[in-house]
Amino acid sequence: MWKKSGLGLGMVVLSFMALGCGEMPGGAREETGPVTRTHAITGDIFASDVFNWRFYLNAHADLLQAGIVTEQGARNHWQSSGISECRRAHPLFHTRQYLDLYPDLKSALGGDCSAALQHYLNNGRSEGRVGVSVGAYDGRYTVKNDIIAVGGSNRVAGAVDSLYWGGREFISSWDHGRQLQMALSGNGWGECYNPTEAGGEYDGLNATSTSQLQGASASGNVYRTQSKAAFWLLPGQESGAGPCGGARNTTALSNYTLNKQVTVGYGGLSHVIEFLTLVTVPETLGSMVVEAPTGYLGGEFSAFYTFNPSTCQLAPLSAGPGEQGLPVVLSTPDGAAAMGAWSPDLPQSGLSGSGYGRFAFPDSGRPANATHKWNVVFRRGSTPPGSYNYRAYIAVGSLENVRVSLCQVVSLVH
């Protein structure tokens, strides 16, 4: 497992939707060659608006547990089993929800998800029918604007485990230390005292999290959550990174509460997401480091850049690891897809050389595990109990979209 190293938002009053039930996954196994079984469906079952291999693996922990870690393995499972099992394979299409959204289809097709997919490919798409509605369904939460969809799930206690733009899933959600999420550490102990939104290291590839999602609201283009964060390490567990030794926490679940509000398409800027964080600290800390947020992207985002808010220019950056005072942008080598983040509150006074980090974790044998990350990092000295706000703005699109959008949001916010 990989792990991250080490807001103007007032106290958010959340109007929570009832938490949905997580999907109950069926059995899974890796298949190495193309599958010939078609379920008698005519049309492209791998069309870009019904299937995305990274989302499919992110959404179904049992597939990762079974060793299905490649695009071909995901495609094979979808074709041989996933369709008939009514699994969701796309941020914006789900056969089961497609049936539930349209009573005429439910009446005609019942719960036959293969028939539902066939209908969408043959008729539903051209009729303007949609495959997913904004809101909560089957343990997932979806919000969007006209070009970007953002999703979270119960599996990772409401952390953002899907961000979709331009036919591409950006987020790696291999274990509970990935995602687009919040985390903090106290007293200089790094991961040895490290409340983490999505869960602990020991949650691994599990379909549930030790972190507790206390409420979630997904409406229109705004996603809000409140969670109680798990510590990254179990009591007594040794750290695999850094000099902190072993866990300083005495329980698996912390008393740290994390709130977030994610707005897709901030200030009329379609490519910009506002990410507001509220961290409620229950005790006095000698110091605190907050990632608000950190983003783990797929391994294809292997080109690193800095963005200069003063000049709106990009400059190449090494893969690090490291931290610097300029915002970080991660991109595919061809510039077709990229993501970067900026905060008007960074760099902090006296910390001009820090605030934005980046890390690379390649894995050529397991593409679903390969990941590259950026983070937006805030530091405090002595921290009394209380609530602390942080804000960041995330740009998504092509590399040029990201450059222009970051420039626009800097001007807008300032």
Protein backbone atom coordinates (compact mmCIF):
# COMPACT_ATOMS: atom_id res chain seq x y z
CA MET A 1 0.00 0.00 0.00
CA TRP A 2 1.10 3.54 -0.62
CA LYS A 3 0.43 6.35 1.78
CA LYS A 4 0.63 10.06 1.61
CA SER A 5 3.57 11.58 3.45
CA GLY A 6 3.55 13.85 5.39
CA LEU A 7 -9.82 26.53 4.75
CA GLY A 8 -12.43 30.24 4.30
CA LEU A 9 -15.11 27.82 5.38
CA GLY A 10 -17.24 28.51 8.41
CA MET A 11 -18.75 25.67 10.40
CA VAL A 12 -20.76 23.87 7.75
CA VAL A 13 -24.29 22.91 8.72
CA LEU A 14 -24.90 19.81 6.65
CA SER A 15 -28.32 18.62 5.60
CA PHE A 16 -27.45 14.97 5.21
CA MET A 17 -29.05 12.42 2.98
CA ALA A 18 -29.53 8.98 4.45
CA LEU A 19 -26.48 6.89 3.78
CA GLY A 20 -27.07 4.36 1.04
CA CYS A 21 -26.24 0.71 1.32
CA GLY A 22 -23.01 -0.38 -0.31
CA GLU A 23 -23.16 -2.75 -3.23
CA MET A 24 -22.76 -6.41 -2.37
CA PRO A 25 -20.13 -7.60 -4.82
CA GLY A 26 -20.11 -11.08 -6.29
CA GLY A 27 -17.13 -13.29 -6.86
CA ALA A 28 -14.27 -12.15 -9.04
CA ARG A 29 -11.19 -13.59 -10.67
CA GLU A 30 -8.55 -12.31 -13.04
CA GLU A 31 -8.78 -13.54 -16.62
CA THR A 32 -5.69 -12.98 -18.71
CA GLY A 33 -7.02 -13.32 -22.25
CA PRO A 34 -9.95 -11.80 -24.12
CA VAL A 35 -13.34 -13.21 -23.15
CA THR A 36 -15.61 -14.35 -25.96
CA ARG A 37 -18.87 -14.47 -23.99
CA THR A 38 -21.09 -11.55 -25.03
CA HIS A 39 -24.34 -12.00 -23.06
CA ALA A 40 -26.07 -11.64 -26.46
CA ILE A 41 -25.72 -7.86 -26.24
CA THR A 42 -25.31 -6.08 -29.55
CA GLY A 43 -23.42 -2.82 -29.49
CA ASP A 44 -20.25 -1.72 -27.78
CA ILE A 45 -20.36 -2.83 -24.14
CA PHE A 46 -17.06 -0.96 -23.63
CA ALA A 47 -18.37 2.35 -24.99
CA SER A 48 -16.81 5.28 -23.17
CA ASP A 49 -20.15 6.37 -21.69
CA VAL A 50 -20.94 2.99 -20.06
CA PHE A 51 -17.56 1.53 -19.07
CA ASN A 52 -14.37 2.94 -17.56
CA TRP A 53 -11.86 0.38 -16.40
CA ARG A 54 -10.28 2.46 -13.63
CA PHE A 55 -13.63 3.44 -12.16
CA TYR A 56 -14.76 -0.18 -12.36
CA LEU A 57 -11.84 -1.34 -10.25
CA ASN A 58 -12.07 1.64 -7.89
CA ALA A 59 -15.74 0.90 -7.23
CA HIS A 60 -15.42 -2.84 -6.58
CA ALA A 61 -12.90 -3.78 -3.92
CA ASP A 62 -13.47 -7.51 -4.47
CA LEU A 63 -12.00 -7.20 -7.97
CA LEU A 64 -8.78 -5.75 -6.60
CA GLN A 65 -8.72 -8.43 -3.91
CA ALA A 66 -9.00 -11.05 -6.65
CA GLY A 67 -5.95 -9.64 -8.41
CA ILE A 68 -7.79 -7.90 -11.24
CA VAL A 69 -5.40 -4.98 -11.65
CA THR A 70 -5.22 -4.27 -15.40
CA GLU A 71 -7.50 -2.71 -17.99
CA GLN A 72 -7.82 -6.04 -19.81
CA GLY A 73 -8.73 -7.84 -16.59
CA ALA A 74 -11.39 -5.23 -15.84
CA ARG A 75 -12.84 -5.50 -19.35
CA ASN A 76 -12.91 -9.28 -19.14
CA HIS A 77 -14.75 -9.29 -15.83
CA TRP A 78 -17.28 -6.69 -16.99
CA GLN A 79 -18.03 -8.76 -20.08
CA SER A 80 -18.18 -12.17 -18.40
CA SER A 81 -19.82 -11.26 -15.08
CA GLY A 82 -20.14 -7.59 -14.26
CA ILE A 83 -22.97 -6.73 -16.62
CA SER A 84 -25.22 -9.55 -15.47
CA GLU A 85 -24.33 -8.80 -11.82
CA CYS A 86 -25.61 -5.22 -12.27
CA ARG A 87 -22.25 -3.70 -11.32
CA ARG A 88 -21.62 -0.03 -11.92
CA ALA A 89 -18.77 0.49 -14.37
CA HIS A 90 -18.88 4.22 -15.05
CA PRO A 91 -19.18 7.45 -13.04
CA LEU A 92 -22.24 8.45 -15.09
CA PHE A 93 -23.88 5.13 -15.97
CA HIS A 94 -25.27 2.33 -13.83
CA THR A 95 -27.66 -0.25 -15.25
CA ARG A 96 -29.51 -0.75 -11.96
CA GLN A 97 -30.08 2.97 -11.47
CA TYR A 98 -31.00 3.31 -15.15
CA LEU A 99 -33.87 0.91 -14.52
CA ASP A 100 -34.90 2.69 -11.33
CA LEU A 101 -34.90 6.10 -13.03
CA TYR A 102 -37.39 5.04 -15.70
CA PRO A 103 -40.56 3.21 -14.59
CA ASP A 104 -41.35 2.20 -18.19
CA LEU A 105 -38.04 0.36 -18.43
CA LYS A 106 -38.41 -1.19 -14.99
CA SER A 107 -41.87 -2.44 -15.94
CA ALA A 108 -40.68 -3.88 -19.23
CA LEU A 109 -37.26 -5.22 -18.20
CA GLY A 110 -37.64 -5.91 -14.48
CA GLY A 111 -34.17 -6.20 -12.91
CA ASP A 112 -32.41 -7.50 -16.02
CA CYS A 113 -29.27 -5.34 -16.17
CA SER A 114 -28.04 -6.93 -19.40
CA ALA A 115 -31.30 -5.89 -21.04
CA ALA A 116 -30.95 -2.44 -19.48
CA LEU A 117 -27.52 -2.01 -21.02
CA GLN A 118 -28.83 -3.24 -24.36
CA HIS A 119 -31.68 -0.71 -24.20
CA TYR A 120 -29.35 2.18 -23.45
CA LEU A 121 -26.97 1.28 -26.27
CA ASN A 122 -29.78 0.80 -28.79
CA ASN A 123 -32.30 3.42 -27.70
CA GLY A 124 -31.70 5.19 -24.40
CA ARG A 125 -28.69 7.19 -25.45
CA SER A 126 -30.44 8.59 -28.54
CA GLU A 127 -33.59 9.28 -26.51
CA GLY A 128 -31.57 11.46 -24.13
CA ARG A 129 -31.98 9.16 -21.14
CA VAL A 130 -29.39 9.32 -18.38
CA GLY A 131 -27.71 6.45 -16.58
CA VAL A 132 -26.99 8.10 -13.22
CA SER A 133 -28.74 10.92 -11.37
CA VAL A 134 -27.08 13.41 -9.07
CA GLY A 135 -27.40 12.42 -5.42
CA ALA A 136 -26.98 9.24 -3.37
CA TYR A 137 -27.49 5.73 -4.74
CA ASP A 138 -26.15 2.30 -3.73
CA GLY A 139 -23.56 3.70 -1.36
CA ARG A 140 -22.21 6.24 -3.85
CA TYR A 141 -22.64 10.03 -4.05
CA THR A 142 -22.48 11.91 -7.34
CA VAL A 143 -22.36 15.63 -8.16
CA LYS A 144 -21.44 17.31 -11.42
CA ASN A 145 -21.49 20.30 -13.68
CA ASP A 146 -21.57 20.28 -17.47
CA ILE A 147 -18.08 18.76 -17.87
CA ILE A 148 -16.88 17.24 -14.55
CA ALA A 149 -18.41 14.56 -12.33
CA VAL A 150 -17.21 14.02 -8.76
CA GLY A 151 -18.11 11.01 -6.64
CA GLY A 152 -17.56 9.62 -3.17
CA SER A 153 -18.52 6.34 -1.55
CA ASN A 154 -19.21 4.60 1.73
CA ARG A 155 -16.22 2.33 1.08
CA VAL A 156 -13.88 5.25 1.83
CA ALA A 157 -16.09 7.07 4.36
CA GLY A 158 -17.20 9.65 1.84
CA ALA A 159 -13.78 10.62 0.51
CA VAL A 160 -13.75 11.56 -3.18
CA ASP A 161 -12.85 8.36 -5.03
CA SER A 162 -13.92 9.44 -8.52
CA LEU A 163 -13.27 12.52 -10.61
CA TYR A 164 -14.27 12.19 -14.23
CA TRP A 165 -13.59 14.56 -17.11
CA GLY A 166 -13.13 14.13 -20.84
CA GLY A 167 -13.78 10.39 -20.81
CA ARG A 168 -11.09 9.81 -18.17
CA GLU A 169 -11.19 8.71 -14.52
CA PHE A 170 -8.47 10.66 -12.70
CA ILE A 171 -8.48 9.16 -9.19
CA SER A 172 -6.62 6.13 -7.86
CA SER A 173 -8.65 4.45 -5.12
CA TRP A 174 -6.58 1.29 -4.61
CA ASP A 175 -6.52 1.36 -0.81
CA HIS A 176 -7.74 3.77 1.86
CA GLY A 177 -4.71 6.06 1.69
CA ARG A 178 -5.39 7.27 -1.86
CA GLN A 179 -8.43 9.15 -3.19
CA LEU A 180 -8.87 12.92 -3.11
CA GLN A 181 -9.08 13.38 0.62
CA MET A 182 -8.19 15.16 3.84
CA ALA A 183 -5.62 14.03 6.40
CA LEU A 184 -3.60 15.50 9.24
CA SER A 185 -0.78 14.62 11.59
CA GLY A 186 0.05 15.93 15.04
CA ASN A 187 3.12 16.69 17.17
CA GLY A 188 5.56 15.96 14.36
CA TRP A 189 4.72 12.26 14.51
CA GLY A 190 3.79 11.87 10.85
CA GLU A 191 1.89 8.69 10.11
CA CYS A 192 2.31 7.59 13.73
CA TYR A 193 -0.46 10.05 14.67
CA ASN A 194 -2.31 10.53 11.42
CA PRO A 195 -6.14 10.82 11.28
CA THR A 196 -7.09 10.06 7.67
CA GLU A 197 -10.49 10.66 6.08
CA ALA A 198 -10.75 7.50 3.96
CA GLY A 199 -9.52 5.07 6.63
CA GLY A 200 -6.44 3.32 7.98
CA GLU A 201 -3.60 1.42 6.39
CA TYR A 202 -5.09 -1.78 7.82
CA ASP A 203 -8.32 -1.17 5.84
CA GLY A 204 -6.28 -2.08 2.77
CA LEU A 205 -8.39 -3.29 -0.16
CA ASN A 206 -11.43 -3.78 2.07
CA ALA A 207 -14.89 -2.66 1.00
CA THR A 208 -15.41 -0.82 4.30
CA SER A 209 -13.51 1.80 6.29
CA THR A 210 -12.64 2.21 9.95
CA SER A 211 -13.34 5.93 9.48
CA GLN A 212 -16.99 6.73 10.12
CA LEU A 213 -19.05 8.68 7.60
CA GLN A 214 -21.48 10.58 9.80
CA GLY A 215 -23.37 12.26 7.00
CA ALA A 216 -23.27 13.11 3.31
CA SER A 217 -25.20 15.39 1.00
CA ALA A 218 -24.90 15.33 -2.81
CA SER A 219 -27.02 17.90 -4.60
CA GLY A 220 -26.47 19.56 -7.96
CA ASN A 221 -22.80 20.48 -8.12
CA VAL A 222 -22.12 20.46 -4.35
CA TYR A 223 -20.93 17.51 -2.25
CA ARG A 224 -20.69 17.79 1.55
CA THR A 225 -19.56 15.23 4.10
CA GLN A 226 -18.78 14.91 7.77
CA SER A 227 -16.66 12.04 9.03
CA LYS A 228 -14.78 10.87 12.07
CA ALA A 229 -11.30 9.91 10.88
CA ALA A 230 -9.49 6.67 11.59
CA PHE A 231 -5.82 6.78 12.56
CA TRP A 232 -3.58 5.52 9.77
CA LEU A 233 -1.88 2.98 12.05
CA LEU A 234 -3.44 0.62 14.58
CA PRO A 235 -2.35 0.95 18.21
CA GLY A 236 1.02 -0.74 18.58
CA GLN A 237 1.63 -0.91 14.82
CA GLU A 238 5.10 -0.01 13.63
CA SER A 239 5.51 2.70 11.03
CA GLY A 240 6.87 1.74 7.64
CA ALA A 241 8.03 5.29 6.89
CA GLY A 242 9.81 8.04 8.73
CA PRO A 243 11.47 8.19 12.14
CA CYS A 244 8.34 8.19 14.31
CA GLY A 245 8.70 4.53 15.25
CA GLY A 246 5.24 3.19 16.02
CA ALA A 247 1.68 4.38 16.46
CA ARG A 248 1.16 6.98 19.18
CA ASN A 249 -2.62 6.57 19.12
CA THR A 250 -4.29 4.15 21.53
CA THR A 251 -7.46 3.59 19.46
CA ALA A 252 -8.10 2.86 15.78
CA LEU A 253 -10.79 5.55 15.47
CA SER A 254 -9.84 9.10 16.36
CA ASN A 255 -12.00 11.87 17.80
CA TYR A 256 -11.01 14.22 14.94
CA THR A 257 -13.96 15.35 12.84
CA LEU A 258 -13.47 16.30 9.19
CA ASN A 259 -15.98 18.32 7.19
CA LYS A 260 -15.68 19.18 3.53
CA GLN A 261 -17.65 21.04 0.90
CA VAL A 262 -16.77 20.35 -2.73
CA THR A 263 -18.24 22.66 -5.39
CA VAL A 264 -17.82 21.58 -9.01
CA GLY A 265 -17.59 24.60 -11.31
CA TYR A 266 -16.66 27.32 -8.84
CA GLY A 267 -17.44 30.95 -9.65
CA GLY A 268 -18.61 30.19 -13.17
CA LEU A 269 -15.32 28.45 -14.01
CA SER A 270 -16.31 25.05 -15.38
CA HIS A 271 -12.85 23.52 -14.95
CA VAL A 272 -12.42 24.61 -11.28
CA ILE A 273 -13.46 22.77 -8.12
CA GLU A 274 -13.56 24.55 -4.78
CA PHE A 275 -12.51 22.29 -1.89
CA LEU A 276 -13.29 23.68 1.59
CA THR A 277 -12.11 21.79 4.66
CA LEU A 278 -13.03 22.12 8.33
CA VAL A 279 -10.89 20.17 10.81
CA THR A 280 -12.19 19.90 14.37
CA VAL A 281 -9.33 19.15 16.78
CA PRO A 282 -10.37 17.60 20.12
CA GLU A 283 -7.10 18.06 22.00
CA THR A 284 -4.06 20.30 22.33
CA LEU A 285 -1.31 19.55 19.83
CA GLY A 286 2.24 20.81 19.88
CA SER A 287 2.02 21.19 16.10
CA MET A 288 -0.27 20.15 13.26
CA VAL A 289 0.19 19.45 9.55
CA VAL A 290 -2.96 19.28 7.40
CA GLU A 291 -3.32 18.00 3.84
CA ALA A 292 -6.38 19.89 2.60
CA PRO A 293 -6.58 18.11 0.31
CA THR A 294 -4.25 15.55 -1.25
CA GLY A 295 -4.98 13.97 -4.61
CA TYR A 296 -3.82 10.56 -5.84
CA LEU A 297 -4.07 10.20 -9.61
CA GLY A 298 -3.57 7.27 -11.95
CA GLY A 299 -0.05 6.30 -12.96
CA GLU A 300 -0.45 7.86 -16.40
CA PHE A 301 -0.21 11.33 -14.80
CA SER A 302 3.57 11.18 -14.87
CA ALA A 303 4.51 14.70 -16.00
CA PHE A 304 5.00 17.22 -13.18
CA TYR A 305 4.89 21.03 -13.40
CA THR A 306 4.80 24.07 -11.18
CA PHE A 307 2.30 26.85 -11.76
CA ASN A 308 3.36 30.43 -11.05
CA PRO A 309 0.32 32.44 -9.86
CA SER A 310 2.08 35.71 -10.66
CA THR A 311 2.83 34.92 -14.30
CA CYS A 312 0.28 32.16 -15.00
CA GLN A 313 3.09 30.09 -16.51
CA LEU A 314 3.97 26.43 -16.09
CA ALA A 315 7.49 25.07 -15.63
CA PRO A 316 8.68 21.44 -15.65
CA LEU A 317 9.25 19.87 -12.24
CA SER A 318 10.91 16.64 -11.19
CA ALA A 319 8.78 13.81 -9.84
CA GLY A 320 10.35 14.41 -6.44
CA PRO A 321 9.42 13.60 -3.82
CA GLY A 322 9.51 17.12 -2.55
CA GLU A 323 7.65 20.24 -1.57
CA GLN A 324 7.92 23.83 -2.78
CA GLY A 325 6.09 27.13 -2.61
CA LEU A 326 4.55 26.99 -6.09
CA PRO A 327 1.40 24.98 -6.88
CA VAL A 328 1.88 21.57 -8.48
CA VAL A 329 0.23 20.33 -11.67
CA LEU A 330 0.23 16.66 -12.72
CA SER A 331 -0.38 15.80 -16.37
CA THR A 332 -0.30 12.97 -18.84
CA PRO A 333 2.86 13.27 -20.97
CA ASP A 334 0.87 14.49 -23.99
CA GLY A 335 -0.95 17.18 -21.98
CA ALA A 336 -4.36 15.69 -22.81
CA ALA A 337 -5.40 15.49 -19.14
CA ALA A 338 -4.09 17.29 -16.07
CA MET A 339 -4.95 18.39 -12.54
CA GLY A 340 -3.46 21.09 -10.35
CA ALA A 341 -4.32 22.80 -7.06
CA TRP A 342 -3.79 26.26 -5.58
CA SER A 343 -4.67 27.91 -2.28
CA PRO A 344 -4.81 31.67 -1.69
CA ASP A 345 -3.50 30.96 1.82
CA LEU A 346 -0.19 29.46 0.64
CA PRO A 347 2.68 29.79 1.03
CA GLN A 348 2.34 30.57 4.72
CA SER A 349 4.34 33.31 6.36
CA GLY A 350 7.90 32.13 7.00
CA LEU A 351 7.36 28.98 4.91
CA SER A 352 7.95 30.31 1.40
CA GLY A 353 9.56 27.08 0.24
CA SER A 354 6.72 24.76 1.19
CA GLY A 355 3.01 24.22 0.81
CA TYR A 356 2.73 22.08 -2.33
CA GLY A 357 4.11 18.56 -2.53
CA ARG A 358 4.39 15.81 -5.12
CA PHE A 359 5.27 12.13 -5.08
CA ALA A 360 5.54 9.34 -7.68
CA PHE A 361 4.70 5.67 -7.07
CA PRO A 362 5.02 3.74 -10.36
CA ASP A 363 3.97 0.09 -10.69
CA SER A 364 4.29 -1.21 -14.24
CA GLY A 365 3.02 -4.68 -13.36
CA ARG A 366 -0.18 -3.48 -11.69
CA PRO A 367 -1.52 -0.42 -13.52
CA ALA A 368 -4.41 -0.03 -11.09
CA ASN A 369 -1.88 0.39 -8.25
CA ALA A 370 0.43 2.90 -9.97
CA THR A 371 -0.22 6.41 -8.65
CA HIS A 372 1.18 9.92 -8.55
CA LYS A 373 0.10 12.48 -6.00
CA TRP A 374 -0.02 16.16 -5.22
CA ASN A 375 -0.97 17.76 -1.93
CA VAL A 376 -1.82 21.16 -0.49
CA VAL A 377 -0.14 21.39 2.92
CA PHE A 378 -0.86 23.70 5.84
CA ARG A 379 1.19 23.89 9.04
CA ARG A 380 0.53 25.22 12.52
CA GLY A 381 2.56 25.40 15.69
CA SER A 382 0.81 24.98 19.03
CA THR A 383 -2.80 24.07 18.26
CA PRO A 384 -5.49 24.27 20.95
CA PRO A 385 -8.78 22.36 20.63
CA GLY A 386 -11.09 23.97 18.09
CA SER A 387 -12.10 24.10 14.44
CA TYR A 388 -9.73 25.15 11.67
CA ASN A 389 -10.68 26.15 8.11
CA TYR A 390 -8.71 25.59 4.90
CA ARG A 391 -9.48 26.24 1.25
CA ALA A 392 -8.05 25.07 -2.04
CA TYR A 393 -9.03 25.29 -5.70
CA ILE A 394 -8.48 22.36 -8.05
CA ALA A 395 -8.31 22.76 -11.82
CA VAL A 396 -9.12 19.80 -14.10
CA GLY A 397 -8.91 19.43 -17.88
CA SER A 398 -6.16 19.45 -20.47
CA LEU A 399 -2.83 20.89 -19.38
CA GLU A 400 -3.72 24.17 -21.08
CA ASN A 401 -7.22 24.13 -19.51
CA VAL A 402 -5.58 23.74 -16.11
CA ARG A 403 -3.08 26.55 -16.69
CA VAL A 404 -5.78 28.97 -17.85
CA SER A 405 -8.26 27.94 -15.14
CA LEU A 406 -5.73 28.33 -12.34
CA CYS A 407 -4.92 31.78 -13.68
CA GLN A 408 -8.62 32.64 -13.73
CA VAL A 409 -9.35 31.41 -10.22
CA VAL A 410 -6.33 33.26 -8.82
CA SER A 411 -7.71 36.46 -10.31
CA LEU A 412 -11.25 35.69 -9.15
CA VAL A 413 -10.38 34.82 -5.54
CA HIS A 414 -7.86 37.62 -5.10
